[in-house]
Amino acid sequence: MGSRKRSCVLPRASWQRQAGTSCDEVKDLGGWKSRVMVDRYAKLATENLLAAAARIGSVRERDTA
């Protein structure tokens, strides 16, 4: 894979994951044979992880109140 194509794959895979596309769907869209490549290219932004953690925290607070 040329470096130009590879440089385009990283943002597109990340954007797909951030938009809620499943890892298996990203794998199929990217034409990859295994999830290893998805894990390599589809890095999630910290903001998404913080939002997920906040949802868990709000549910715990609600359940213990």
PDB file of N, CA and C in Angstrom:
ATOM      1  N   MET A   1       0.861  -1.179   0.000  1.00  0.00           N
ATOM      2  CA  MET A   1       0.000   0.000   0.000  1.00  0.00           C
ATOM      3  C   MET A   1       0.898   1.230   0.000  1.00  0.00           C
ATOM      4  N   GLY A   2       0.654   2.153  -0.905  1.00  0.00           N
ATOM      5  CA  GLY A   2       1.450   3.365  -0.967  1.00  0.00           C
ATOM      6  C   GLY A   2       1.192   4.265   0.223  1.00  0.00           C
ATOM      7  N   SER A   3       2.163   5.116   0.526  1.00  0.00           N
ATOM      8  CA  SER A   3       2.023   5.986   1.695  1.00  0.00           C
ATOM      9  C   SER A   3       0.873   6.971   1.525  1.00  0.00           C
ATOM     10  N   ARG A   4       0.586   7.382   0.293  1.00  0.00           N
ATOM     11  CA  ARG A   4      -0.530   8.312   0.063  1.00  0.00           C
ATOM     12  C   ARG A   4      -1.863   7.649   0.419  1.00  0.00           C
ATOM     13  N   LYS A   5      -2.065   6.406  -0.022  1.00  0.00           N
ATOM     14  CA  LYS A   5      -3.304   5.701   0.290  1.00  0.00           C
ATOM     15  C   LYS A   5      -3.404   5.458   1.790  1.00  0.00           C
ATOM     16  N   ARG A   6      -2.295   5.064   2.419  1.00  0.00           N
ATOM     17  CA  ARG A   6      -2.290   4.789   3.855  1.00  0.00           C
ATOM     18  C   ARG A   6      -2.639   6.043   4.644  1.00  0.00           C
ATOM     19  N   SER A   7      -2.138   7.207   4.194  1.00  0.00           N
ATOM     20  CA  SER A   7      -2.416   8.446   4.926  1.00  0.00           C
ATOM     21  C   SER A   7      -3.890   8.821   4.870  1.00  0.00           C
ATOM     22  N   CYS A   8      -4.613   8.350   3.858  1.00  0.00           N
ATOM     23  CA  CYS A   8      -6.047   8.622   3.749  1.00  0.00           C
ATOM     24  C   CYS A   8      -6.867   7.621   4.560  1.00  0.00           C
ATOM     25  N   VAL A   9      -6.338   6.417   4.736  1.00  0.00           N
ATOM     26  CA  VAL A   9      -7.077   5.366   5.442  1.00  0.00           C
ATOM     27  C   VAL A   9      -7.248   5.708   6.904  1.00  0.00           C
ATOM     28  N   LEU A  10      -6.213   6.212   7.548  1.00  0.00           N
ATOM     29  CA  LEU A  10      -6.264   6.494   8.982  1.00  0.00           C
ATOM     30  C   LEU A  10      -7.391   7.442   9.347  1.00  0.00           C
ATOM     31  N   PRO A  11      -7.492   8.616   8.731  1.00  0.00           N
ATOM     32  CA  PRO A  11      -8.592   9.504   9.127  1.00  0.00           C
ATOM     33  C   PRO A  11      -9.967   8.930   8.809  1.00  0.00           C
ATOM     34  N   ARG A  12     -10.112   8.282   7.652  1.00  0.00           N
ATOM     35  CA  ARG A  12     -11.438   7.759   7.298  1.00  0.00           C
ATOM     36  C   ARG A  12     -11.883   6.682   8.266  1.00  0.00           C
ATOM     37  N   ALA A  13     -10.991   5.781   8.645  1.00  0.00           N
ATOM     38  CA  ALA A  13     -11.355   4.729   9.596  1.00  0.00           C
ATOM     39  C   ALA A  13     -11.692   5.340  10.955  1.00  0.00           C
ATOM     40  N   SER A  14     -10.925   6.316  11.383  1.00  0.00           N
ATOM     41  CA  SER A  14     -11.201   6.981  12.664  1.00  0.00           C
ATOM     42  C   SER A  14     -12.535   7.710  12.629  1.00  0.00           C
ATOM     43  N   TRP A  15     -12.791   8.407  11.542  1.00  0.00           N
ATOM     44  CA  TRP A  15     -14.057   9.145  11.420  1.00  0.00           C
ATOM     45  C   TRP A  15     -15.236   8.189  11.427  1.00  0.00           C
ATOM     46  N   GLN A  16     -15.097   7.056  10.758  1.00  0.00           N
ATOM     47  CA  GLN A  16     -16.175   6.075  10.753  1.00  0.00           C
ATOM     48  C   GLN A  16     -16.455   5.575  12.163  1.00  0.00           C
ATOM     49  N   ARG A  17     -15.416   5.243  12.925  1.00  0.00           N
ATOM     50  CA  ARG A  17     -15.602   4.754  14.297  1.00  0.00           C
ATOM     51  C   ARG A  17     -16.223   5.833  15.167  1.00  0.00           C
ATOM     52  N   GLN A  18     -15.776   7.071  15.021  1.00  0.00           N
ATOM     53  CA  GLN A  18     -16.317   8.164  15.822  1.00  0.00           C
ATOM     54  C   GLN A  18     -17.778   8.428  15.481  1.00  0.00           C
ATOM     55  N   ALA A  19     -18.178   8.094  14.262  1.00  0.00           N
ATOM     56  CA  ALA A  19     -19.565   8.279  13.844  1.00  0.00           C
ATOM     57  C   ALA A  19     -20.449   7.117  14.278  1.00  0.00           C
ATOM     58  N   GLY A  20     -19.852   6.101  14.907  1.00  0.00           N
ATOM     59  CA  GLY A  20     -20.640   4.989  15.423  1.00  0.00           C
ATOM     60  C   GLY A  20     -20.631   3.750  14.551  1.00  0.00           C
ATOM     61  N   THR A  21     -19.814   3.744  13.499  1.00  0.00           N
ATOM     62  CA  THR A  21     -19.719   2.565  12.641  1.00  0.00           C
ATOM     63  C   THR A  21     -19.002   1.462  13.412  1.00  0.00           C
ATOM     64  N   SER A  22     -19.532   0.246  13.375  1.00  0.00           N
ATOM     65  CA  SER A  22     -18.913  -0.850  14.124  1.00  0.00           C
ATOM     66  C   SER A  22     -17.569  -1.222  13.508  1.00  0.00           C
ATOM     67  N   CYS A  23     -16.727  -1.880  14.302  1.00  0.00           N
ATOM     68  CA  CYS A  23     -15.418  -2.311  13.812  1.00  0.00           C
ATOM     69  C   CYS A  23     -15.553  -3.253  12.618  1.00  0.00           C
ATOM     70  N   ASP A  24     -16.536  -4.142  12.662  1.00  0.00           N
ATOM     71  CA  ASP A  24     -16.729  -5.061  11.542  1.00  0.00           C
ATOM     72  C   ASP A  24     -17.153  -4.318  10.276  1.00  0.00           C
ATOM     73  N   GLU A  25     -17.973  -3.291  10.426  1.00  0.00           N
ATOM     74  CA  GLU A  25     -18.375  -2.498   9.263  1.00  0.00           C
ATOM     75  C   GLU A  25     -17.185  -1.719   8.700  1.00  0.00           C
ATOM     76  N   VAL A  26     -16.358  -1.161   9.578  1.00  0.00           N
ATOM     77  CA  VAL A  26     -15.160  -0.451   9.123  1.00  0.00           C
ATOM     78  C   VAL A  26     -14.232  -1.421   8.393  1.00  0.00           C
ATOM     79  N   LYS A  27     -14.114  -2.638   8.914  1.00  0.00           N
ATOM     80  CA  LYS A  27     -13.278  -3.666   8.276  1.00  0.00           C
ATOM     81  C   LYS A  27     -13.775  -3.924   6.856  1.00  0.00           C
ATOM     82  N   ASP A  28     -15.070  -4.102   6.712  1.00  0.00           N
ATOM     83  CA  ASP A  28     -15.635  -4.373   5.392  1.00  0.00           C
ATOM     84  C   ASP A  28     -15.490  -3.167   4.460  1.00  0.00           C
ATOM     85  N   LEU A  29     -15.739  -1.968   4.975  1.00  0.00           N
ATOM     86  CA  LEU A  29     -15.602  -0.762   4.155  1.00  0.00           C
ATOM     87  C   LEU A  29     -14.160  -0.548   3.695  1.00  0.00           C
ATOM     88  N   GLY A  30     -13.208  -0.882   4.578  1.00  0.00           N
ATOM     89  CA  GLY A  30     -11.796  -0.710   4.249  1.00  0.00           C
ATOM     90  C   GLY A  30     -11.224  -1.830   3.404  1.00  0.00           C
ATOM     91  N   GLY A  31     -11.989  -2.902   3.251  1.00  0.00           N
ATOM     92  CA  GLY A  31     -11.517  -4.023   2.456  1.00  0.00           C
ATOM     93  C   GLY A  31     -10.474  -4.874   3.167  1.00  0.00           C
ATOM     94  N   TRP A  32     -10.430  -4.796   4.491  1.00  0.00           N
ATOM     95  CA  TRP A  32      -9.455  -5.558   5.258  1.00  0.00           C
ATOM     96  C   TRP A  32      -9.985  -6.949   5.548  1.00  0.00           C
ATOM     97  N   LYS A  33      -9.070  -7.909   5.675  1.00  0.00           N
ATOM     98  CA  LYS A  33      -9.447  -9.294   5.942  1.00  0.00           C
ATOM     99  C   LYS A  33      -9.591  -9.578   7.430  1.00  0.00           C
ATOM    100  N   SER A  34      -8.954  -8.759   8.271  1.00  0.00           N
ATOM    101  CA  SER A  34      -9.009  -9.020   9.709  1.00  0.00           C
ATOM    102  C   SER A  34      -9.223  -7.719  10.483  1.00  0.00           C
ATOM    103  N   ARG A  35      -9.625  -7.875  11.734  1.00  0.00           N
ATOM    104  CA  ARG A  35      -9.839  -6.724  12.617  1.00  0.00           C
ATOM    105  C   ARG A  35      -8.526  -6.083  13.046  1.00  0.00           C
ATOM    106  N   VAL A  36      -7.417  -6.770  12.844  1.00  0.00           N
ATOM    107  CA  VAL A  36      -6.111  -6.223  13.229  1.00  0.00           C
ATOM    108  C   VAL A  36      -5.875  -4.885  12.534  1.00  0.00           C
ATOM    109  N   MET A  37      -6.220  -4.819  11.266  1.00  0.00           N
ATOM    110  CA  MET A  37      -6.020  -3.577  10.518  1.00  0.00           C
ATOM    111  C   MET A  37      -6.954  -2.473  11.006  1.00  0.00           C
ATOM    112  N   VAL A  38      -8.155  -2.835  11.377  1.00  0.00           N
ATOM    113  CA  VAL A  38      -9.086  -1.840  11.928  1.00  0.00           C
ATOM    114  C   VAL A  38      -8.507  -1.272  13.215  1.00  0.00           C
ATOM    115  N   ASP A  39      -8.009  -2.144  14.077  1.00  0.00           N
ATOM    116  CA  ASP A  39      -7.429  -1.685  15.340  1.00  0.00           C
ATOM    117  C   ASP A  39      -6.215  -0.789  15.101  1.00  0.00           C
ATOM    118  N   ARG A  40      -5.480  -1.056  14.035  1.00  0.00           N
ATOM    119  CA  ARG A  40      -4.300  -0.249  13.729  1.00  0.00           C
ATOM    120  C   ARG A  40      -4.690   1.141  13.247  1.00  0.00           C
ATOM    121  N   TYR A  41      -5.698   1.228  12.409  1.00  0.00           N
ATOM    122  CA  TYR A  41      -6.023   2.496  11.766  1.00  0.00           C
ATOM    123  C   TYR A  41      -7.164   3.270  12.407  1.00  0.00           C
ATOM    124  N   ALA A  42      -8.065   2.632  13.091  1.00  0.00           N
ATOM    125  CA  ALA A  42      -9.262   3.314  13.602  1.00  0.00           C
ATOM    126  C   ALA A  42      -9.075   3.718  15.052  1.00  0.00           C
ATOM    127  N   LYS A  43      -8.241   4.691  15.270  1.00  0.00           N
ATOM    128  CA  LYS A  43      -8.018   5.217  16.621  1.00  0.00           C
ATOM    129  C   LYS A  43      -9.193   6.117  16.999  1.00  0.00           C
ATOM    130  N   LEU A  44      -9.656   5.954  18.208  1.00  0.00           N
ATOM    131  CA  LEU A  44     -10.778   6.783  18.662  1.00  0.00           C
ATOM    132  C   LEU A  44     -10.262   8.044  19.337  1.00  0.00           C
ATOM    133  N   ALA A  45     -10.975   9.114  19.171  1.00  0.00           N
ATOM    134  CA  ALA A  45     -10.631  10.361  19.829  1.00  0.00           C
ATOM    135  C   ALA A  45     -10.949  10.261  21.315  1.00  0.00           C
ATOM    136  N   THR A  46     -10.157  10.927  22.116  1.00  0.00           N
ATOM    137  CA  THR A  46     -10.348  10.916  23.567  1.00  0.00           C
ATOM    138  C   THR A  46     -11.724  11.447  23.952  1.00  0.00           C
ATOM    139  N   GLU A  47     -12.229  12.414  23.183  1.00  0.00           N
ATOM    140  CA  GLU A  47     -13.527  12.997  23.517  1.00  0.00           C
ATOM    141  C   GLU A  47     -14.621  11.933  23.527  1.00  0.00           C
ATOM    142  N   ASN A  48     -14.557  10.981  22.596  1.00  0.00           N
ATOM    143  CA  ASN A  48     -15.560   9.917  22.550  1.00  0.00           C
ATOM    144  C   ASN A  48     -15.467   9.036  23.788  1.00  0.00           C
ATOM    145  N   LEU A  49     -14.267   8.748  24.231  1.00  0.00           N
ATOM    146  CA  LEU A  49     -14.099   7.919  25.414  1.00  0.00           C
ATOM    147  C   LEU A  49     -14.570   8.649  26.661  1.00  0.00           C
ATOM    148  N   LEU A  50     -14.312   9.947  26.726  1.00  0.00           N
ATOM    149  CA  LEU A  50     -14.775  10.731  27.873  1.00  0.00           C
ATOM    150  C   LEU A  50     -16.303  10.774  27.919  1.00  0.00           C
ATOM    151  N   ALA A  51     -16.937  10.910  26.767  1.00  0.00           N
ATOM    152  CA  ALA A  51     -18.399  10.936  26.721  1.00  0.00           C
ATOM    153  C   ALA A  51     -18.970   9.596  27.177  1.00  0.00           C
ATOM    154  N   ALA A  52     -18.344   8.501  26.757  1.00  0.00           N
ATOM    155  CA  ALA A  52     -18.808   7.173  27.171  1.00  0.00           C
ATOM    156  C   ALA A  52     -18.644   6.996  28.675  1.00  0.00           C
ATOM    157  N   ALA A  53     -17.524   7.427  29.212  1.00  0.00           N
ATOM    158  CA  ALA A  53     -17.290   7.320  30.650  1.00  0.00           C
ATOM    159  C   ALA A  53     -18.280   8.169  31.434  1.00  0.00           C
ATOM    160  N   ALA A  54     -18.621   9.336  30.907  1.00  0.00           N
ATOM    161  CA  ALA A  54     -19.591  10.203  31.586  1.00  0.00           C
ATOM    162  C   ALA A  54     -20.968   9.553  31.631  1.00  0.00           C
ATOM    163  N   ARG A  55     -21.352   8.857  30.561  1.00  0.00           N
ATOM    164  CA  ARG A  55     -22.649   8.165  30.563  1.00  0.00           C
ATOM    165  C   ARG A  55     -22.683   7.085  31.628  1.00  0.00           C
ATOM    166  N   ILE A  56     -21.598   6.349  31.770  1.00  0.00           N
ATOM    167  CA  ILE A  56     -21.537   5.305  32.796  1.00  0.00           C
ATOM    168  C   ILE A  56     -21.633   5.927  34.176  1.00  0.00           C
ATOM    169  N   GLY A  57     -20.905   7.027  34.370  1.00  0.00           N
ATOM    170  CA  GLY A  57     -20.939   7.706  35.659  1.00  0.00           C
ATOM    171  C   GLY A  57     -22.321   8.213  36.010  1.00  0.00           C
ATOM    172  N   SER A  58     -23.046   8.752  35.038  1.00  0.00           N
ATOM    173  CA  SER A  58     -24.381   9.288  35.323  1.00  0.00           C
ATOM    174  C   SER A  58     -25.359   8.165  35.662  1.00  0.00           C
ATOM    175  N   VAL A  59     -25.209   7.008  35.042  1.00  0.00           N
ATOM    176  CA  VAL A  59     -26.082   5.864  35.360  1.00  0.00           C
ATOM    177  C   VAL A  59     -25.790   5.374  36.770  1.00  0.00           C
ATOM    178  N   ARG A  60     -24.514   5.302  37.140  1.00  0.00           N
ATOM    179  CA  ARG A  60     -24.153   4.851  38.496  1.00  0.00           C
ATOM    180  C   ARG A  60     -24.708   5.812  39.551  1.00  0.00           C
ATOM    181  N   GLU A  61     -24.586   7.097  39.282  1.00  0.00           N
ATOM    182  CA  GLU A  61     -25.096   8.096  40.240  1.00  0.00           C
ATOM    183  C   GLU A  61     -26.604   7.966  40.380  1.00  0.00           C
ATOM    184  N   ARG A  62     -27.297   7.747  39.283  1.00  0.00           N
ATOM    185  CA  ARG A  62     -28.749   7.624  39.299  1.00  0.00           C
ATOM    186  C   ARG A  62     -29.166   6.373  40.087  1.00  0.00           C
ATOM    187  N   ASP A  63     -28.447   5.263  39.878  1.00  0.00           N
ATOM    188  CA  ASP A  63     -28.787   4.012  40.533  1.00  0.00           C
ATOM    189  C   ASP A  63     -28.485   4.022  42.021  1.00  0.00           C
ATOM    190  N   THR A  64     -27.502   4.799  42.453  1.00  0.00           N
ATOM    191  CA  THR A  64     -27.158   4.830  43.871  1.00  0.00           C
ATOM    192  C   THR A  64     -27.910   5.920  44.625  1.00  0.00           C
ATOM    193  N   ALA A  65     -28.605   6.795  43.903  1.00  0.00           N
ATOM    194  CA  ALA A  65     -29.332   7.882  44.566  1.00  0.00           C
ATOM    195  C   ALA A  65     -30.659   7.427  45.110  1.00  0.00           C
TER     196      ALA A  65
END
